[in-house]
Amino acid sequence: MSHVVIGSKNPVKINCVKNVFGRVFPEKEFAFEGIDLASGVSDQPMTDAETLKGAINRANGSHILKPDAIFCLGIEGGIAEIDGALHAFAWVVIQSEKRTGKARTATFPLPSAIRKLLDEGYELGHANDKLFKENNSKQKGGAVGTLTLGMLDRTEYYEQAVLLALVPFINEGLFPA
């Protein structure tokens, strides 16, 4: 059984990886493990570059702690200002011994009330909980779930980026090691 390590214990991140790997590699059996790992960036990354760095750091850290893993993943949510408005997104980085895949989720706008809480030092998940009177939303539907009225939860939101980060692994001939 192949070992897949995710640089987070957040069940949303672990479940999205399980879901995608089950679809992409239906003939393989994987053991999935989430590990507590610092991203090495701000608790709430506020740029695209910082968010990507956090995902890379989580994937690298997973590999250092679990060198036997066939895949190591980092998933990092972030925020960036686009045309004067804040948008949320996440980066996914997948590493194996020979390849690295990277992909970013779609972005979505955040309301000005969230921006105010972020400016006060809240992370997006905590700001979302405070504004919408939720509890631990980042381990459930997240801000994306709240703002889409439950039509897209955080697990589904991350799945496309996990799949896209796997492109070099499912097309090895097109992406030499």
N, C-alpha and C. Protein backbone atom coordinates (compact mmCIF):
# COMPACT_ATOMS: atom_id res chain seq x y z
N MET A 1 0.85 -1.18 0.00
CA MET A 1 0.00 0.00 0.00
C MET A 1 0.89 1.24 0.00
N SER A 2 0.57 2.17 -0.86
CA SER A 2 1.37 3.39 -1.01
C SER A 2 0.94 4.44 0.01
N HIS A 3 1.91 5.14 0.54
CA HIS A 3 1.70 6.12 1.61
C HIS A 3 1.60 7.52 0.99
N VAL A 4 0.53 8.22 1.30
CA VAL A 4 0.31 9.61 0.86
C VAL A 4 0.23 10.47 2.11
N VAL A 5 1.05 11.51 2.17
CA VAL A 5 1.09 12.38 3.35
C VAL A 5 0.63 13.78 2.97
N ILE A 6 -0.27 14.32 3.78
CA ILE A 6 -0.78 15.67 3.59
C ILE A 6 -0.27 16.51 4.76
N GLY A 7 0.34 17.64 4.46
CA GLY A 7 0.93 18.49 5.49
C GLY A 7 -0.09 19.28 6.27
N SER A 8 -1.10 18.59 6.79
CA SER A 8 -2.15 19.21 7.60
C SER A 8 -2.99 18.09 8.19
N LYS A 9 -3.56 18.34 9.35
CA LYS A 9 -4.52 17.38 9.93
C LYS A 9 -5.96 17.83 9.67
N ASN A 10 -6.14 18.90 8.91
CA ASN A 10 -7.48 19.38 8.62
C ASN A 10 -8.22 18.32 7.81
N PRO A 11 -9.36 17.82 8.31
CA PRO A 11 -10.08 16.77 7.59
C PRO A 11 -10.53 17.19 6.19
N VAL A 12 -10.78 18.46 5.95
CA VAL A 12 -11.15 18.93 4.62
C VAL A 12 -10.03 18.63 3.63
N LYS A 13 -8.80 18.94 4.01
CA LYS A 13 -7.66 18.74 3.12
C LYS A 13 -7.40 17.25 2.90
N ILE A 14 -7.49 16.47 3.95
CA ILE A 14 -7.27 15.02 3.83
C ILE A 14 -8.35 14.39 2.95
N ASN A 15 -9.61 14.75 3.17
CA ASN A 15 -10.70 14.16 2.40
C ASN A 15 -10.67 14.53 0.93
N CYS A 16 -10.28 15.76 0.62
CA CYS A 16 -10.23 16.12 -0.81
C CYS A 16 -9.16 15.32 -1.52
N VAL A 17 -8.04 15.06 -0.84
CA VAL A 17 -6.97 14.24 -1.43
C VAL A 17 -7.46 12.81 -1.62
N LYS A 18 -8.10 12.25 -0.62
CA LYS A 18 -8.64 10.89 -0.72
C LYS A 18 -9.61 10.78 -1.90
N ASN A 19 -10.52 11.73 -2.01
CA ASN A 19 -11.52 11.70 -3.07
C ASN A 19 -10.89 11.70 -4.45
N VAL A 20 -9.93 12.59 -4.65
CA VAL A 20 -9.30 12.71 -5.97
C VAL A 20 -8.43 11.50 -6.29
N PHE A 21 -7.62 11.08 -5.34
CA PHE A 21 -6.76 9.92 -5.58
C PHE A 21 -7.60 8.68 -5.89
N GLY A 22 -8.74 8.53 -5.25
CA GLY A 22 -9.64 7.42 -5.53
C GLY A 22 -10.16 7.43 -6.96
N ARG A 23 -10.39 8.61 -7.50
CA ARG A 23 -10.86 8.73 -8.88
C ARG A 23 -9.72 8.56 -9.89
N VAL A 24 -8.57 9.16 -9.59
CA VAL A 24 -7.45 9.14 -10.54
C VAL A 24 -6.74 7.78 -10.57
N PHE A 25 -6.63 7.16 -9.41
CA PHE A 25 -5.90 5.89 -9.30
C PHE A 25 -6.80 4.81 -8.70
N PRO A 26 -7.90 4.45 -9.39
CA PRO A 26 -8.86 3.51 -8.78
C PRO A 26 -8.29 2.12 -8.52
N GLU A 27 -7.24 1.75 -9.23
CA GLU A 27 -6.66 0.42 -9.08
C GLU A 27 -5.62 0.35 -7.95
N LYS A 28 -5.26 1.48 -7.39
CA LYS A 28 -4.23 1.51 -6.35
C LYS A 28 -4.84 1.69 -4.97
N GLU A 29 -4.15 1.17 -3.99
CA GLU A 29 -4.55 1.36 -2.60
C GLU A 29 -3.57 2.31 -1.93
N PHE A 30 -4.10 3.29 -1.26
CA PHE A 30 -3.27 4.28 -0.58
C PHE A 30 -3.62 4.32 0.91
N ALA A 31 -2.62 4.60 1.71
CA ALA A 31 -2.81 4.93 3.11
C ALA A 31 -2.58 6.44 3.21
N PHE A 32 -3.57 7.17 3.65
CA PHE A 32 -3.50 8.63 3.74
C PHE A 32 -3.20 9.03 5.18
N GLU A 33 -2.29 9.99 5.32
CA GLU A 33 -1.93 10.45 6.65
C GLU A 33 -1.80 11.97 6.64
N GLY A 34 -2.51 12.61 7.54
CA GLY A 34 -2.33 14.05 7.74
C GLY A 34 -1.40 14.26 8.90
N ILE A 35 -0.49 15.20 8.76
CA ILE A 35 0.45 15.48 9.84
C ILE A 35 0.42 16.96 10.18
N ASP A 36 0.59 17.26 11.46
CA ASP A 36 0.68 18.66 11.89
C ASP A 36 1.98 19.23 11.39
N LEU A 37 1.89 20.29 10.67
CA LEU A 37 3.08 20.86 10.05
C LEU A 37 2.87 22.35 9.88
N ALA A 38 3.82 23.14 10.32
CA ALA A 38 3.75 24.59 10.12
C ALA A 38 4.02 24.91 8.66
N SER A 39 3.35 25.94 8.17
CA SER A 39 3.52 26.32 6.77
C SER A 39 4.77 27.16 6.54
N GLY A 40 5.31 27.76 7.60
CA GLY A 40 6.47 28.62 7.44
C GLY A 40 6.15 29.99 6.88
N VAL A 41 4.85 30.29 6.76
CA VAL A 41 4.41 31.62 6.31
C VAL A 41 3.42 32.15 7.34
N SER A 42 2.88 33.31 7.10
CA SER A 42 1.89 33.90 8.01
C SER A 42 0.72 32.95 8.23
N ASP A 43 0.09 33.04 9.39
CA ASP A 43 -1.10 32.24 9.63
C ASP A 43 -2.16 32.50 8.57
N GLN A 44 -2.22 33.73 8.09
CA GLN A 44 -3.13 34.07 6.99
C GLN A 44 -2.31 34.68 5.87
N PRO A 45 -1.85 33.86 4.92
CA PRO A 45 -1.09 34.41 3.79
C PRO A 45 -1.93 35.44 3.03
N MET A 46 -1.30 36.56 2.68
CA MET A 46 -2.04 37.66 2.05
C MET A 46 -1.57 37.97 0.63
N THR A 47 -0.79 37.09 0.04
CA THR A 47 -0.40 37.25 -1.36
C THR A 47 -0.38 35.88 -2.02
N ASP A 48 -0.41 35.88 -3.32
CA ASP A 48 -0.32 34.65 -4.08
C ASP A 48 1.01 33.96 -3.81
N ALA A 49 2.09 34.72 -3.84
CA ALA A 49 3.43 34.15 -3.64
C ALA A 49 3.58 33.55 -2.25
N GLU A 50 3.10 34.23 -1.23
CA GLU A 50 3.21 33.71 0.13
C GLU A 50 2.38 32.43 0.29
N THR A 51 1.23 32.39 -0.33
CA THR A 51 0.37 31.22 -0.25
C THR A 51 1.02 30.02 -0.93
N LEU A 52 1.59 30.23 -2.11
CA LEU A 52 2.30 29.17 -2.81
C LEU A 52 3.48 28.68 -1.97
N LYS A 53 4.21 29.60 -1.38
CA LYS A 53 5.35 29.22 -0.54
C LYS A 53 4.88 28.34 0.63
N GLY A 54 3.75 28.67 1.23
CA GLY A 54 3.21 27.85 2.32
C GLY A 54 2.88 26.44 1.86
N ALA A 55 2.30 26.31 0.67
CA ALA A 55 1.98 24.98 0.14
C ALA A 55 3.26 24.19 -0.16
N ILE A 56 4.25 24.86 -0.73
CA ILE A 56 5.54 24.21 -1.00
C ILE A 56 6.19 23.77 0.31
N ASN A 57 6.19 24.64 1.30
CA ASN A 57 6.78 24.30 2.60
C ASN A 57 6.09 23.10 3.24
N ARG A 58 4.78 23.03 3.11
CA ARG A 58 4.05 21.89 3.69
C ARG A 58 4.38 20.60 2.95
N ALA A 59 4.48 20.66 1.62
CA ALA A 59 4.85 19.46 0.85
C ALA A 59 6.28 19.03 1.19
N ASN A 60 7.20 20.00 1.22
CA ASN A 60 8.60 19.69 1.57
C ASN A 60 8.71 19.12 2.98
N GLY A 61 8.02 19.74 3.91
CA GLY A 61 8.06 19.28 5.30
C GLY A 61 7.49 17.89 5.45
N SER A 62 6.44 17.59 4.69
CA SER A 62 5.86 16.25 4.71
C SER A 62 6.88 15.22 4.23
N HIS A 63 7.61 15.58 3.19
CA HIS A 63 8.63 14.67 2.65
C HIS A 63 9.76 14.45 3.66
N ILE A 64 10.16 15.51 4.34
CA ILE A 64 11.24 15.38 5.33
C ILE A 64 10.80 14.48 6.48
N LEU A 65 9.56 14.65 6.95
CA LEU A 65 9.08 13.86 8.08
C LEU A 65 8.69 12.43 7.69
N LYS A 66 8.28 12.26 6.45
CA LYS A 66 7.82 10.94 5.98
C LYS A 66 8.47 10.61 4.63
N PRO A 67 9.78 10.37 4.62
CA PRO A 67 10.49 10.16 3.34
C PRO A 67 10.05 8.91 2.59
N ASP A 68 9.34 8.00 3.24
CA ASP A 68 8.86 6.80 2.57
C ASP A 68 7.58 7.04 1.77
N ALA A 69 6.96 8.20 1.93
CA ALA A 69 5.70 8.49 1.24
C ALA A 69 5.91 8.58 -0.27
N ILE A 70 4.96 8.02 -1.01
CA ILE A 70 5.03 8.07 -2.48
C ILE A 70 4.60 9.45 -2.99
N PHE A 71 3.68 10.10 -2.27
CA PHE A 71 3.25 11.46 -2.58
C PHE A 71 3.21 12.26 -1.29
N CYS A 72 3.68 13.51 -1.37
CA CYS A 72 3.59 14.46 -0.25
C CYS A 72 2.89 15.70 -0.75
N LEU A 73 1.90 16.15 -0.01
CA LEU A 73 1.08 17.28 -0.44
C LEU A 73 1.11 18.42 0.55
N GLY A 74 1.05 19.62 -0.01
CA GLY A 74 0.83 20.82 0.76
C GLY A 74 -0.35 21.56 0.17
N ILE A 75 -1.28 21.95 1.00
CA ILE A 75 -2.45 22.74 0.58
C ILE A 75 -2.49 23.96 1.48
N GLU A 76 -2.46 25.12 0.88
CA GLU A 76 -2.43 26.36 1.66
C GLU A 76 -3.46 27.35 1.12
N GLY A 77 -4.35 27.79 1.99
CA GLY A 77 -5.32 28.81 1.60
C GLY A 77 -4.75 30.20 1.80
N GLY A 78 -5.11 31.10 0.91
CA GLY A 78 -4.60 32.46 1.01
C GLY A 78 -5.59 33.48 0.49
N ILE A 79 -5.16 34.70 0.57
CA ILE A 79 -5.98 35.85 0.17
C ILE A 79 -5.09 36.81 -0.61
N ALA A 80 -5.64 37.43 -1.62
CA ALA A 80 -4.91 38.46 -2.36
C ALA A 80 -5.89 39.55 -2.78
N GLU A 81 -5.35 40.75 -2.90
CA GLU A 81 -6.16 41.86 -3.37
C GLU A 81 -6.14 41.88 -4.89
N ILE A 82 -7.32 41.91 -5.48
CA ILE A 82 -7.48 41.96 -6.93
C ILE A 82 -8.42 43.11 -7.25
N ASP A 83 -7.92 44.11 -7.94
CA ASP A 83 -8.73 45.28 -8.31
C ASP A 83 -9.45 45.89 -7.11
N GLY A 84 -8.74 46.00 -5.99
CA GLY A 84 -9.28 46.66 -4.81
C GLY A 84 -10.14 45.79 -3.91
N ALA A 85 -10.40 44.55 -4.31
CA ALA A 85 -11.21 43.66 -3.49
C ALA A 85 -10.38 42.45 -3.07
N LEU A 86 -10.68 41.91 -1.91
CA LEU A 86 -9.98 40.71 -1.46
C LEU A 86 -10.64 39.47 -2.05
N HIS A 87 -9.79 38.55 -2.49
CA HIS A 87 -10.24 37.27 -3.03
C HIS A 87 -9.52 36.15 -2.30
N ALA A 88 -10.23 35.07 -2.05
CA ALA A 88 -9.65 33.89 -1.41
C ALA A 88 -9.36 32.82 -2.46
N PHE A 89 -8.39 31.97 -2.17
CA PHE A 89 -7.98 30.89 -3.07
C PHE A 89 -7.06 29.97 -2.28
N ALA A 90 -6.60 28.91 -2.91
CA ALA A 90 -5.62 28.03 -2.28
C ALA A 90 -4.67 27.49 -3.33
N TRP A 91 -3.47 27.15 -2.89
CA TRP A 91 -2.48 26.47 -3.73
C TRP A 91 -2.34 25.04 -3.25
N VAL A 92 -2.16 24.12 -4.19
CA VAL A 92 -1.89 22.72 -3.92
C VAL A 92 -0.56 22.37 -4.56
N VAL A 93 0.32 21.74 -3.79
CA VAL A 93 1.60 21.25 -4.30
C VAL A 93 1.69 19.77 -3.98
N ILE A 94 2.00 18.98 -4.99
CA ILE A 94 2.17 17.54 -4.83
C ILE A 94 3.57 17.17 -5.27
N GLN A 95 4.27 16.43 -4.42
CA GLN A 95 5.64 16.01 -4.73
C GLN A 95 5.75 14.50 -4.65
N SER A 96 6.55 13.96 -5.57
CA SER A 96 6.97 12.57 -5.48
C SER A 96 8.49 12.60 -5.58
N GLU A 97 9.08 11.44 -5.66
CA GLU A 97 10.53 11.39 -5.77
C GLU A 97 11.02 12.05 -7.07
N LYS A 98 10.20 11.98 -8.13
CA LYS A 98 10.65 12.45 -9.45
C LYS A 98 9.96 13.72 -9.95
N ARG A 99 8.80 14.05 -9.42
CA ARG A 99 8.00 15.13 -10.01
C ARG A 99 7.40 16.02 -8.94
N THR A 100 7.01 17.21 -9.39
CA THR A 100 6.23 18.13 -8.58
C THR A 100 5.09 18.66 -9.45
N GLY A 101 3.92 18.72 -8.88
CA GLY A 101 2.77 19.31 -9.54
C GLY A 101 2.24 20.44 -8.69
N LYS A 102 1.81 21.52 -9.34
CA LYS A 102 1.26 22.68 -8.62
C LYS A 102 0.01 23.14 -9.33
N ALA A 103 -0.99 23.53 -8.56
CA ALA A 103 -2.21 24.10 -9.14
C ALA A 103 -2.88 24.99 -8.10
N ARG A 104 -3.63 25.93 -8.59
CA ARG A 104 -4.34 26.87 -7.72
C ARG A 104 -5.83 26.72 -7.94
N THR A 105 -6.58 26.90 -6.89
CA THR A 105 -8.03 26.89 -7.00
C THR A 105 -8.51 28.14 -7.73
N ALA A 106 -9.80 28.15 -8.02
CA ALA A 106 -10.44 29.38 -8.47
C ALA A 106 -10.42 30.37 -7.30
N THR A 107 -10.62 31.64 -7.61
CA THR A 107 -10.71 32.65 -6.57
C THR A 107 -12.17 33.02 -6.37
N PHE A 108 -12.47 33.55 -5.20
CA PHE A 108 -13.81 34.08 -4.96
C PHE A 108 -13.69 35.33 -4.09
N PRO A 109 -14.60 36.29 -4.29
CA PRO A 109 -14.51 37.56 -3.56
C PRO A 109 -14.96 37.40 -2.12
N LEU A 110 -14.36 38.20 -1.28
CA LEU A 110 -14.73 38.25 0.13
C LEU A 110 -15.44 39.56 0.43
N PRO A 111 -16.47 39.51 1.27
CA PRO A 111 -17.20 40.74 1.59
C PRO A 111 -16.35 41.69 2.43
N SER A 112 -16.71 42.96 2.38
CA SER A 112 -15.94 43.98 3.10
C SER A 112 -15.95 43.73 4.61
N ALA A 113 -16.99 43.10 5.15
CA ALA A 113 -17.02 42.79 6.58
C ALA A 113 -15.93 41.79 6.94
N ILE A 114 -15.62 40.87 6.04
CA ILE A 114 -14.51 39.93 6.26
C ILE A 114 -13.19 40.69 6.21
N ARG A 115 -13.08 41.59 5.24
CA ARG A 115 -11.84 42.38 5.12
C ARG A 115 -11.55 43.13 6.42
N LYS A 116 -12.58 43.70 6.99
CA LYS A 116 -12.41 44.44 8.25
C LYS A 116 -11.84 43.52 9.33
N LEU A 117 -12.37 42.31 9.44
CA LEU A 117 -11.88 41.37 10.45
C LEU A 117 -10.45 40.91 10.12
N LEU A 118 -10.15 40.72 8.86
CA LEU A 118 -8.79 40.35 8.46
C LEU A 118 -7.82 41.48 8.83
N ASP A 119 -8.24 42.71 8.61
CA ASP A 119 -7.41 43.86 8.97
C ASP A 119 -7.17 43.93 10.48
N GLU A 120 -8.10 43.37 11.26
CA GLU A 120 -7.95 43.32 12.72
C GLU A 120 -7.07 42.15 13.17
N GLY A 121 -6.63 41.32 12.20
CA GLY A 121 -5.73 40.22 12.53
C GLY A 121 -6.33 38.83 12.54
N TYR A 122 -7.60 38.72 12.19
CA TYR A 122 -8.23 37.40 12.14
C TYR A 122 -7.75 36.63 10.91
N GLU A 123 -7.68 35.31 11.02
CA GLU A 123 -7.53 34.44 9.86
C GLU A 123 -8.90 34.34 9.20
N LEU A 124 -8.92 33.96 7.93
CA LEU A 124 -10.19 33.88 7.21
C LEU A 124 -11.19 32.96 7.92
N GLY A 125 -10.76 31.78 8.34
CA GLY A 125 -11.68 30.85 9.00
C GLY A 125 -12.29 31.44 10.25
N HIS A 126 -11.48 32.11 11.06
CA HIS A 126 -12.00 32.73 12.29
C HIS A 126 -12.89 33.93 11.98
N ALA A 127 -12.52 34.69 10.96
CA ALA A 127 -13.35 35.82 10.55
C ALA A 127 -14.70 35.33 10.05
N ASN A 128 -14.68 34.25 9.27
CA ASN A 128 -15.92 33.67 8.77
C ASN A 128 -16.80 33.20 9.94
N ASP A 129 -16.18 32.53 10.91
CA ASP A 129 -16.93 32.06 12.08
C ASP A 129 -17.56 33.23 12.83
N LYS A 130 -16.78 34.29 13.04
CA LYS A 130 -17.27 35.44 13.79
C LYS A 130 -18.41 36.14 13.05
N LEU A 131 -18.21 36.40 11.77
CA LEU A 131 -19.21 37.14 11.00
C LEU A 131 -20.51 36.35 10.83
N PHE A 132 -20.38 35.06 10.54
CA PHE A 132 -21.57 34.26 10.23
C PHE A 132 -22.01 33.36 11.39
N LYS A 133 -21.40 33.59 12.57
CA LYS A 133 -21.75 32.85 13.77
C LYS A 133 -21.67 31.33 13.55
N GLU A 134 -20.56 30.92 12.97
CA GLU A 134 -20.29 29.50 12.75
C GLU A 134 -19.21 29.05 13.72
N ASN A 135 -18.93 27.77 13.72
CA ASN A 135 -17.92 27.21 14.61
C ASN A 135 -16.99 26.29 13.82
N ASN A 136 -15.70 26.64 13.77
CA ASN A 136 -14.69 25.84 13.10
C ASN A 136 -15.03 25.57 11.64
N SER A 137 -15.49 26.58 10.94
CA SER A 137 -15.92 26.41 9.55
C SER A 137 -14.79 25.96 8.64
N LYS A 138 -13.55 26.28 8.99
CA LYS A 138 -12.45 25.90 8.09
C LYS A 138 -12.22 24.40 8.05
N GLN A 139 -12.79 23.67 8.99
CA GLN A 139 -12.72 22.21 8.94
C GLN A 139 -14.05 21.63 8.46
N LYS A 140 -14.86 22.50 7.90
CA LYS A 140 -16.16 22.07 7.34
C LYS A 140 -16.28 22.68 5.95
N GLY A 141 -17.32 23.46 5.74
CA GLY A 141 -17.56 24.05 4.42
C GLY A 141 -16.70 25.25 4.09
N GLY A 142 -16.12 25.89 5.13
CA GLY A 142 -15.27 27.04 4.92
C GLY A 142 -16.02 28.27 4.45
N ALA A 143 -15.28 29.33 4.22
CA ALA A 143 -15.88 30.58 3.73
C ALA A 143 -16.55 30.35 2.38
N VAL A 144 -15.94 29.51 1.54
CA VAL A 144 -16.53 29.24 0.24
C VAL A 144 -17.90 28.58 0.40
N GLY A 145 -18.04 27.70 1.38
CA GLY A 145 -19.33 27.07 1.63
C GLY A 145 -20.37 28.06 2.13
N THR A 146 -19.95 28.91 3.05
CA THR A 146 -20.85 29.92 3.59
C THR A 146 -21.30 30.88 2.50
N LEU A 147 -20.34 31.38 1.72
CA LEU A 147 -20.66 32.41 0.73
C LEU A 147 -21.39 31.87 -0.50
N THR A 148 -21.31 30.56 -0.74
CA THR A 148 -22.09 29.97 -1.85
C THR A 148 -23.36 29.32 -1.35
N LEU A 149 -23.72 29.62 -0.10
CA LEU A 149 -24.94 29.09 0.53
C LEU A 149 -24.95 27.56 0.51
N GLY A 150 -23.75 26.99 0.69
CA GLY A 150 -23.63 25.54 0.77
C GLY A 150 -23.57 24.82 -0.56
N MET A 151 -23.57 25.56 -1.65
CA MET A 151 -23.55 24.91 -2.97
C MET A 151 -22.17 24.40 -3.35
N LEU A 152 -21.13 24.91 -2.71
CA LEU A 152 -19.76 24.44 -2.94
C LEU A 152 -19.06 24.45 -1.59
N ASP A 153 -18.69 23.27 -1.11
CA ASP A 153 -17.99 23.26 0.18
C ASP A 153 -16.48 23.23 -0.05
N ARG A 154 -15.75 23.38 1.02
CA ARG A 154 -14.30 23.52 0.93
C ARG A 154 -13.63 22.26 0.37
N THR A 155 -14.15 21.09 0.69
CA THR A 155 -13.60 19.85 0.15
C THR A 155 -13.71 19.84 -1.37
N GLU A 156 -14.90 20.08 -1.89
CA GLU A 156 -15.11 20.10 -3.34
C GLU A 156 -14.27 21.20 -3.99
N TYR A 157 -14.18 22.32 -3.33
CA TYR A 157 -13.43 23.47 -3.84
C TYR A 157 -11.96 23.11 -4.06
N TYR A 158 -11.36 22.37 -3.13
CA TYR A 158 -9.96 21.98 -3.26
C TYR A 158 -9.74 20.83 -4.25
N GLU A 159 -10.77 20.02 -4.48
CA GLU A 159 -10.59 18.83 -5.31
C GLU A 159 -10.09 19.14 -6.72
N GLN A 160 -10.62 20.15 -7.37
CA GLN A 160 -10.15 20.47 -8.72
C GLN A 160 -8.67 20.80 -8.74
N ALA A 161 -8.20 21.56 -7.75
CA ALA A 161 -6.79 21.92 -7.72
C ALA A 161 -5.91 20.69 -7.44
N VAL A 162 -6.37 19.78 -6.60
CA VAL A 162 -5.62 18.54 -6.36
C VAL A 162 -5.52 17.76 -7.66
N LEU A 163 -6.63 17.63 -8.38
CA LEU A 163 -6.63 16.93 -9.66
C LEU A 163 -5.68 17.60 -10.65
N LEU A 164 -5.73 18.91 -10.75
CA LEU A 164 -4.87 19.62 -11.69
C LEU A 164 -3.40 19.54 -11.30
N ALA A 165 -3.10 19.49 -10.01
CA ALA A 165 -1.71 19.32 -9.57
C ALA A 165 -1.20 17.92 -9.90
N LEU A 166 -2.10 16.97 -10.12
CA LEU A 166 -1.70 15.61 -10.50
C LEU A 166 -1.42 15.46 -12.00
N VAL A 167 -1.68 16.49 -12.78
CA VAL A 167 -1.46 16.40 -14.24
C VAL A 167 -0.08 15.85 -14.60
N PRO A 168 1.01 16.33 -14.02
CA PRO A 168 2.32 15.77 -14.38
C PRO A 168 2.49 14.29 -14.01
N PHE A 169 1.71 13.81 -13.05
CA PHE A 169 1.81 12.42 -12.61
C PHE A 169 0.97 11.49 -13.47
N ILE A 170 -0.11 11.99 -14.02
CA ILE A 170 -0.97 11.14 -14.86
C ILE A 170 -0.63 11.29 -16.34
N ASN A 171 0.32 12.16 -16.63
CA ASN A 171 0.84 12.36 -17.99
C ASN A 171 2.37 12.36 -17.97
N GLU A 172 2.93 11.33 -17.36
CA GLU A 172 4.38 11.31 -17.11
C GLU A 172 5.19 11.51 -18.39
N GLY A 173 4.73 10.99 -19.52
CA GLY A 173 5.46 11.14 -20.78
C GLY A 173 5.57 12.58 -21.24
N LEU A 174 4.65 13.40 -20.82
CA LEU A 174 4.65 14.82 -21.21
C LEU A 174 5.40 15.68 -20.22
N PHE A 175 5.68 15.12 -19.05
CA PHE A 175 6.39 15.85 -17.99
C PHE A 175 7.56 15.02 -17.50
N PRO A 176 8.66 15.00 -18.26
CA PRO A 176 9.81 14.18 -17.85
C PRO A 176 10.31 14.58 -16.47
N ALA A 177 10.82 13.58 -15.76
CA ALA A 177 11.33 13.80 -14.40
C ALA A 177 12.55 14.70 -14.43
